[in-house]
N, C-alpha and C. Protein backbone atom coordinates (compact mmCIF):
# COMPACT_ATOMS: atom_id res chain seq x y z
N UNK A 1 14.83 -29.20 6.77
CA UNK A 1 14.23 -27.89 6.93
C UNK A 1 12.81 -27.92 6.35
N UNK A 2 11.86 -27.36 7.07
CA UNK A 2 10.47 -27.36 6.62
C UNK A 2 10.30 -26.39 5.45
N UNK A 3 9.21 -26.56 4.71
CA UNK A 3 8.93 -25.66 3.59
C UNK A 3 8.76 -24.23 4.08
N UNK A 4 8.10 -24.07 5.23
CA UNK A 4 7.91 -22.72 5.78
C UNK A 4 9.27 -22.09 6.10
N UNK A 5 10.16 -22.85 6.71
CA UNK A 5 11.49 -22.33 7.05
C UNK A 5 12.27 -21.96 5.79
N UNK A 6 12.10 -22.74 4.73
CA UNK A 6 12.76 -22.41 3.46
C UNK A 6 12.25 -21.08 2.92
N UNK A 7 10.94 -20.90 2.96
CA UNK A 7 10.36 -19.63 2.51
C UNK A 7 10.87 -18.47 3.34
N UNK A 8 10.93 -18.67 4.65
CA UNK A 8 11.40 -17.61 5.53
C UNK A 8 12.86 -17.24 5.22
N UNK A 9 13.67 -18.22 4.86
CA UNK A 9 15.05 -17.95 4.49
C UNK A 9 15.11 -17.02 3.27
N UNK A 10 14.23 -17.27 2.29
CA UNK A 10 14.16 -16.41 1.11
C UNK A 10 13.77 -14.98 1.50
N UNK A 11 12.77 -14.86 2.38
CA UNK A 11 12.29 -13.54 2.78
C UNK A 11 13.36 -12.78 3.56
N UNK A 12 14.03 -13.48 4.47
CA UNK A 12 15.08 -12.82 5.26
C UNK A 12 16.24 -12.40 4.36
N UNK A 13 16.58 -13.25 3.39
CA UNK A 13 17.67 -12.91 2.47
C UNK A 13 17.31 -11.67 1.65
N UNK A 14 16.08 -11.61 1.15
CA UNK A 14 15.67 -10.44 0.37
C UNK A 14 15.64 -9.19 1.24
N UNK A 15 15.17 -9.34 2.46
CA UNK A 15 15.11 -8.22 3.40
C UNK A 15 16.50 -7.64 3.62
N UNK A 16 17.49 -8.50 3.87
CA UNK A 16 18.84 -8.00 4.13
C UNK A 16 19.53 -7.52 2.85
N UNK A 17 19.30 -8.22 1.75
CA UNK A 17 19.91 -7.85 0.47
C UNK A 17 19.47 -6.45 0.03
N UNK A 18 18.19 -6.14 0.23
CA UNK A 18 17.66 -4.84 -0.18
C UNK A 18 17.74 -3.80 0.93
N UNK A 19 18.18 -4.20 2.13
CA UNK A 19 18.29 -3.27 3.25
C UNK A 19 16.95 -2.69 3.67
N UNK A 20 15.94 -3.54 3.75
CA UNK A 20 14.57 -3.07 4.04
C UNK A 20 14.32 -2.83 5.53
N UNK A 21 15.07 -3.49 6.40
CA UNK A 21 14.94 -3.26 7.84
C UNK A 21 13.69 -3.84 8.48
N UNK A 22 13.13 -4.89 7.87
CA UNK A 22 11.94 -5.54 8.44
C UNK A 22 12.36 -6.53 9.52
N UNK A 23 11.55 -6.63 10.56
CA UNK A 23 11.87 -7.59 11.63
C UNK A 23 11.48 -9.00 11.19
N UNK A 24 12.20 -9.97 11.72
CA UNK A 24 11.90 -11.36 11.41
C UNK A 24 10.51 -11.74 11.94
N UNK A 25 10.13 -11.17 13.08
CA UNK A 25 8.81 -11.45 13.66
C UNK A 25 7.70 -10.97 12.73
N UNK A 26 7.87 -9.79 12.14
CA UNK A 26 6.86 -9.27 11.21
C UNK A 26 6.79 -10.14 9.97
N UNK A 27 7.94 -10.50 9.40
CA UNK A 27 7.95 -11.36 8.22
C UNK A 27 7.28 -12.70 8.51
N UNK A 28 7.55 -13.26 9.67
CA UNK A 28 6.95 -14.54 10.05
C UNK A 28 5.43 -14.40 10.18
N UNK A 29 4.98 -13.34 10.83
CA UNK A 29 3.55 -13.11 11.01
C UNK A 29 2.82 -12.93 9.69
N UNK A 30 3.41 -12.16 8.79
CA UNK A 30 2.79 -11.94 7.48
C UNK A 30 2.77 -13.25 6.70
N UNK A 31 3.87 -13.99 6.72
CA UNK A 31 3.94 -15.26 5.98
C UNK A 31 2.89 -16.25 6.50
N UNK A 32 2.72 -16.32 7.81
CA UNK A 32 1.71 -17.21 8.37
C UNK A 32 0.31 -16.77 7.95
N UNK A 33 0.09 -15.46 7.90
CA UNK A 33 -1.20 -14.93 7.48
C UNK A 33 -1.53 -15.23 6.02
N UNK A 34 -0.51 -15.42 5.21
CA UNK A 34 -0.72 -15.73 3.79
C UNK A 34 -1.08 -17.19 3.56
N UNK A 35 -0.82 -18.02 4.55
CA UNK A 35 -1.19 -19.43 4.45
C UNK A 35 -0.46 -20.16 3.34
N UNK A 36 -1.12 -21.13 2.72
CA UNK A 36 -0.45 -21.98 1.73
C UNK A 36 -0.05 -21.25 0.44
N UNK A 37 -0.51 -20.03 0.24
CA UNK A 37 -0.16 -19.31 -1.00
C UNK A 37 1.34 -19.06 -1.11
N UNK A 38 2.08 -19.08 0.02
CA UNK A 38 3.52 -18.82 -0.05
C UNK A 38 4.28 -19.99 -0.68
N UNK A 39 3.64 -21.15 -0.80
CA UNK A 39 4.30 -22.32 -1.36
C UNK A 39 4.10 -22.43 -2.88
N UNK A 40 3.18 -21.66 -3.43
CA UNK A 40 2.90 -21.68 -4.86
C UNK A 40 3.81 -20.66 -5.55
N UNK A 41 4.59 -21.09 -6.53
CA UNK A 41 5.54 -20.17 -7.17
C UNK A 41 4.89 -18.91 -7.74
N UNK A 42 3.67 -19.02 -8.26
CA UNK A 42 2.99 -17.86 -8.84
C UNK A 42 2.43 -16.93 -7.78
N UNK A 43 1.70 -17.49 -6.82
CA UNK A 43 1.04 -16.64 -5.82
C UNK A 43 2.00 -16.13 -4.75
N UNK A 44 3.21 -16.68 -4.68
CA UNK A 44 4.16 -16.22 -3.67
C UNK A 44 4.86 -14.93 -4.08
N UNK A 45 4.68 -14.53 -5.34
CA UNK A 45 5.33 -13.33 -5.85
C UNK A 45 4.30 -12.28 -6.25
N UNK A 46 4.73 -11.02 -6.28
CA UNK A 46 3.89 -9.92 -6.73
C UNK A 46 4.52 -9.36 -8.00
N UNK A 47 3.71 -9.23 -9.04
CA UNK A 47 4.18 -8.63 -10.28
C UNK A 47 3.93 -7.12 -10.22
N UNK A 48 5.00 -6.36 -10.16
CA UNK A 48 4.88 -4.91 -10.04
C UNK A 48 4.41 -4.23 -11.30
N UNK A 49 4.41 -4.94 -12.44
CA UNK A 49 4.01 -4.33 -13.70
C UNK A 49 2.60 -4.75 -14.13
N UNK A 50 1.94 -5.59 -13.35
CA UNK A 50 0.60 -6.09 -13.68
C UNK A 50 -0.44 -5.31 -12.88
N UNK A 51 -1.21 -4.48 -13.57
CA UNK A 51 -2.20 -3.63 -12.91
C UNK A 51 -3.23 -4.46 -12.13
N UNK A 52 -3.66 -5.58 -12.68
CA UNK A 52 -4.63 -6.44 -12.00
C UNK A 52 -4.04 -6.99 -10.70
N UNK A 53 -2.77 -7.35 -10.74
CA UNK A 53 -2.10 -7.87 -9.55
C UNK A 53 -1.99 -6.79 -8.47
N UNK A 54 -1.65 -5.59 -8.86
CA UNK A 54 -1.53 -4.49 -7.89
C UNK A 54 -2.90 -4.13 -7.31
N UNK A 55 -3.94 -4.24 -8.14
CA UNK A 55 -5.31 -4.01 -7.63
C UNK A 55 -5.69 -5.09 -6.61
N UNK A 56 -5.23 -6.32 -6.84
CA UNK A 56 -5.49 -7.41 -5.89
C UNK A 56 -4.79 -7.13 -4.56
N UNK A 57 -3.56 -6.65 -4.63
CA UNK A 57 -2.83 -6.30 -3.40
C UNK A 57 -3.61 -5.23 -2.64
N UNK A 58 -4.08 -4.23 -3.37
CA UNK A 58 -4.82 -3.13 -2.74
C UNK A 58 -6.13 -3.63 -2.12
N UNK A 59 -6.92 -4.36 -2.91
CA UNK A 59 -8.23 -4.79 -2.42
C UNK A 59 -8.15 -5.88 -1.36
N UNK A 60 -7.37 -6.92 -1.61
CA UNK A 60 -7.35 -8.07 -0.70
C UNK A 60 -6.51 -7.85 0.54
N UNK A 61 -5.44 -7.07 0.43
CA UNK A 61 -4.58 -6.87 1.60
C UNK A 61 -4.86 -5.54 2.29
N UNK A 62 -4.69 -4.46 1.56
CA UNK A 62 -4.81 -3.14 2.21
C UNK A 62 -6.23 -2.84 2.69
N UNK A 63 -7.22 -3.14 1.87
CA UNK A 63 -8.59 -2.80 2.22
C UNK A 63 -9.22 -3.88 3.11
N UNK A 64 -9.19 -5.15 2.65
CA UNK A 64 -9.85 -6.21 3.41
C UNK A 64 -9.08 -6.62 4.67
N UNK A 65 -7.78 -6.85 4.53
CA UNK A 65 -7.00 -7.36 5.67
C UNK A 65 -6.64 -6.25 6.65
N UNK A 66 -6.11 -5.14 6.15
CA UNK A 66 -5.69 -4.06 7.05
C UNK A 66 -6.83 -3.10 7.41
N UNK A 67 -7.93 -3.15 6.67
CA UNK A 67 -9.08 -2.31 6.98
C UNK A 67 -8.90 -0.85 6.61
N UNK A 68 -8.11 -0.58 5.59
CA UNK A 68 -7.87 0.80 5.17
C UNK A 68 -8.93 1.24 4.17
N UNK A 69 -9.20 2.54 4.13
CA UNK A 69 -10.17 3.08 3.19
C UNK A 69 -9.51 3.25 1.82
N UNK A 70 -10.25 2.93 0.78
CA UNK A 70 -9.73 3.05 -0.58
C UNK A 70 -9.45 4.52 -0.89
N UNK A 71 -8.40 4.74 -1.65
CA UNK A 71 -8.06 6.09 -2.03
C UNK A 71 -6.71 6.12 -2.72
N UNK A 72 -6.32 7.29 -3.21
CA UNK A 72 -5.06 7.40 -3.94
C UNK A 72 -3.83 7.11 -3.06
N UNK A 73 -3.97 7.26 -1.75
CA UNK A 73 -2.84 6.98 -0.85
C UNK A 73 -2.44 5.51 -0.92
N UNK A 74 -3.40 4.62 -1.14
CA UNK A 74 -3.09 3.19 -1.22
C UNK A 74 -2.27 2.89 -2.48
N UNK A 75 -2.69 3.48 -3.60
CA UNK A 75 -1.96 3.27 -4.86
C UNK A 75 -0.54 3.82 -4.77
N UNK A 76 -0.39 4.99 -4.16
CA UNK A 76 0.94 5.57 -4.06
C UNK A 76 1.83 4.77 -3.11
N UNK A 77 1.24 4.19 -2.05
CA UNK A 77 2.01 3.35 -1.13
C UNK A 77 2.50 2.09 -1.84
N UNK A 78 1.64 1.49 -2.66
CA UNK A 78 2.04 0.29 -3.41
C UNK A 78 3.16 0.65 -4.38
N UNK A 79 3.02 1.78 -5.06
CA UNK A 79 4.07 2.22 -6.01
C UNK A 79 5.38 2.47 -5.28
N UNK A 80 5.30 3.05 -4.08
CA UNK A 80 6.51 3.31 -3.29
C UNK A 80 7.19 2.01 -2.89
N UNK A 81 6.42 1.02 -2.48
CA UNK A 81 6.98 -0.27 -2.10
C UNK A 81 7.61 -0.97 -3.31
N UNK A 82 6.94 -0.90 -4.46
CA UNK A 82 7.50 -1.51 -5.68
C UNK A 82 8.84 -0.84 -6.03
N UNK A 83 8.90 0.47 -5.87
CA UNK A 83 10.14 1.21 -6.14
C UNK A 83 11.24 0.81 -5.16
N UNK A 84 10.85 0.68 -3.89
CA UNK A 84 11.82 0.31 -2.84
C UNK A 84 12.40 -1.08 -3.10
N UNK A 85 11.58 -1.97 -3.62
CA UNK A 85 12.04 -3.34 -3.89
C UNK A 85 12.80 -3.44 -5.20
N UNK A 86 12.73 -2.40 -6.01
CA UNK A 86 13.46 -2.38 -7.28
C UNK A 86 12.57 -2.73 -8.45
N UNK A 87 12.39 -1.79 -9.35
CA UNK A 87 11.50 -2.03 -10.48
C UNK A 87 12.00 -3.15 -11.39
N UNK A 88 13.31 -3.36 -11.43
CA UNK A 88 13.85 -4.44 -12.27
C UNK A 88 13.94 -5.77 -11.52
N UNK A 89 13.64 -5.76 -10.23
CA UNK A 89 13.66 -6.99 -9.42
C UNK A 89 12.44 -7.84 -9.79
N UNK A 90 12.68 -9.00 -10.37
CA UNK A 90 11.57 -9.86 -10.80
C UNK A 90 11.08 -10.77 -9.68
N UNK A 91 11.77 -10.78 -8.55
CA UNK A 91 11.39 -11.64 -7.43
C UNK A 91 10.97 -10.79 -6.25
N UNK A 92 9.74 -10.31 -6.31
CA UNK A 92 9.18 -9.52 -5.21
C UNK A 92 8.28 -10.47 -4.41
N UNK A 93 8.80 -10.98 -3.31
CA UNK A 93 8.02 -11.92 -2.51
C UNK A 93 6.82 -11.22 -1.89
N UNK A 94 5.66 -11.86 -2.01
CA UNK A 94 4.42 -11.29 -1.50
C UNK A 94 4.52 -10.99 -0.01
N UNK A 95 5.13 -11.87 0.76
CA UNK A 95 5.24 -11.66 2.21
C UNK A 95 6.06 -10.41 2.51
N UNK A 96 7.11 -10.17 1.74
CA UNK A 96 7.96 -9.00 1.96
C UNK A 96 7.21 -7.73 1.55
N UNK A 97 6.52 -7.78 0.41
CA UNK A 97 5.72 -6.63 -0.04
C UNK A 97 4.67 -6.28 1.01
N UNK A 98 3.95 -7.29 1.49
CA UNK A 98 2.90 -7.05 2.47
C UNK A 98 3.48 -6.51 3.78
N UNK A 99 4.64 -7.03 4.19
CA UNK A 99 5.26 -6.54 5.42
C UNK A 99 5.64 -5.07 5.27
N UNK A 100 6.18 -4.69 4.12
CA UNK A 100 6.52 -3.28 3.88
C UNK A 100 5.28 -2.40 3.91
N UNK A 101 4.19 -2.89 3.35
CA UNK A 101 2.94 -2.12 3.36
C UNK A 101 2.38 -2.01 4.79
N UNK A 102 2.49 -3.07 5.56
CA UNK A 102 2.03 -3.02 6.95
C UNK A 102 2.82 -1.98 7.73
N UNK A 103 4.13 -1.92 7.52
CA UNK A 103 4.97 -0.91 8.19
C UNK A 103 4.57 0.48 7.73
N UNK A 104 4.35 0.64 6.43
CA UNK A 104 3.99 1.95 5.84
C UNK A 104 2.74 2.52 6.52
N UNK A 105 1.78 1.65 6.83
CA UNK A 105 0.52 2.11 7.41
C UNK A 105 0.45 1.89 8.93
N UNK A 106 1.57 1.52 9.55
CA UNK A 106 1.60 1.34 10.99
C UNK A 106 0.75 0.20 11.51
N UNK A 107 0.63 -0.87 10.73
CA UNK A 107 -0.23 -2.00 11.09
C UNK A 107 0.57 -3.25 11.46
N UNK A 108 1.84 -3.07 11.86
CA UNK A 108 2.68 -4.23 12.19
C UNK A 108 2.09 -5.07 13.31
N UNK A 109 1.39 -4.44 14.24
CA UNK A 109 0.81 -5.14 15.39
C UNK A 109 -0.19 -6.21 15.02
N UNK A 110 -0.75 -6.12 13.83
CA UNK A 110 -1.72 -7.14 13.38
C UNK A 110 -1.06 -8.48 13.11
N UNK A 111 0.26 -8.50 13.00
CA UNK A 111 0.97 -9.71 12.61
C UNK A 111 1.89 -10.25 13.68
N UNK A 112 1.70 -9.82 14.92
CA UNK A 112 2.57 -10.30 15.99
C UNK A 112 1.90 -11.35 16.83
């Protein structure tokens, strides 16, 4: 099994375990968009309690990648996704977080 396929297995398992309802196509598209960062144990995860990390998600993904305007709606969307994934869940895969944010803002088409 390739490294990418292994990562996808983790994402699909988390998706079904948490009942997130994300499509496999969306998860695959987001994972491919993240490039080699999904193979690094540190960069493949999002820390929901680290303000700098959440700012990175907002700036690098929501603003730069999805083209959204900065504002309080972005922060509340990130907080909502962190809550949905479970505040005590220490394994929040970046690809899953980004896929949830893409769905939240109706930007799934960017990853197909």
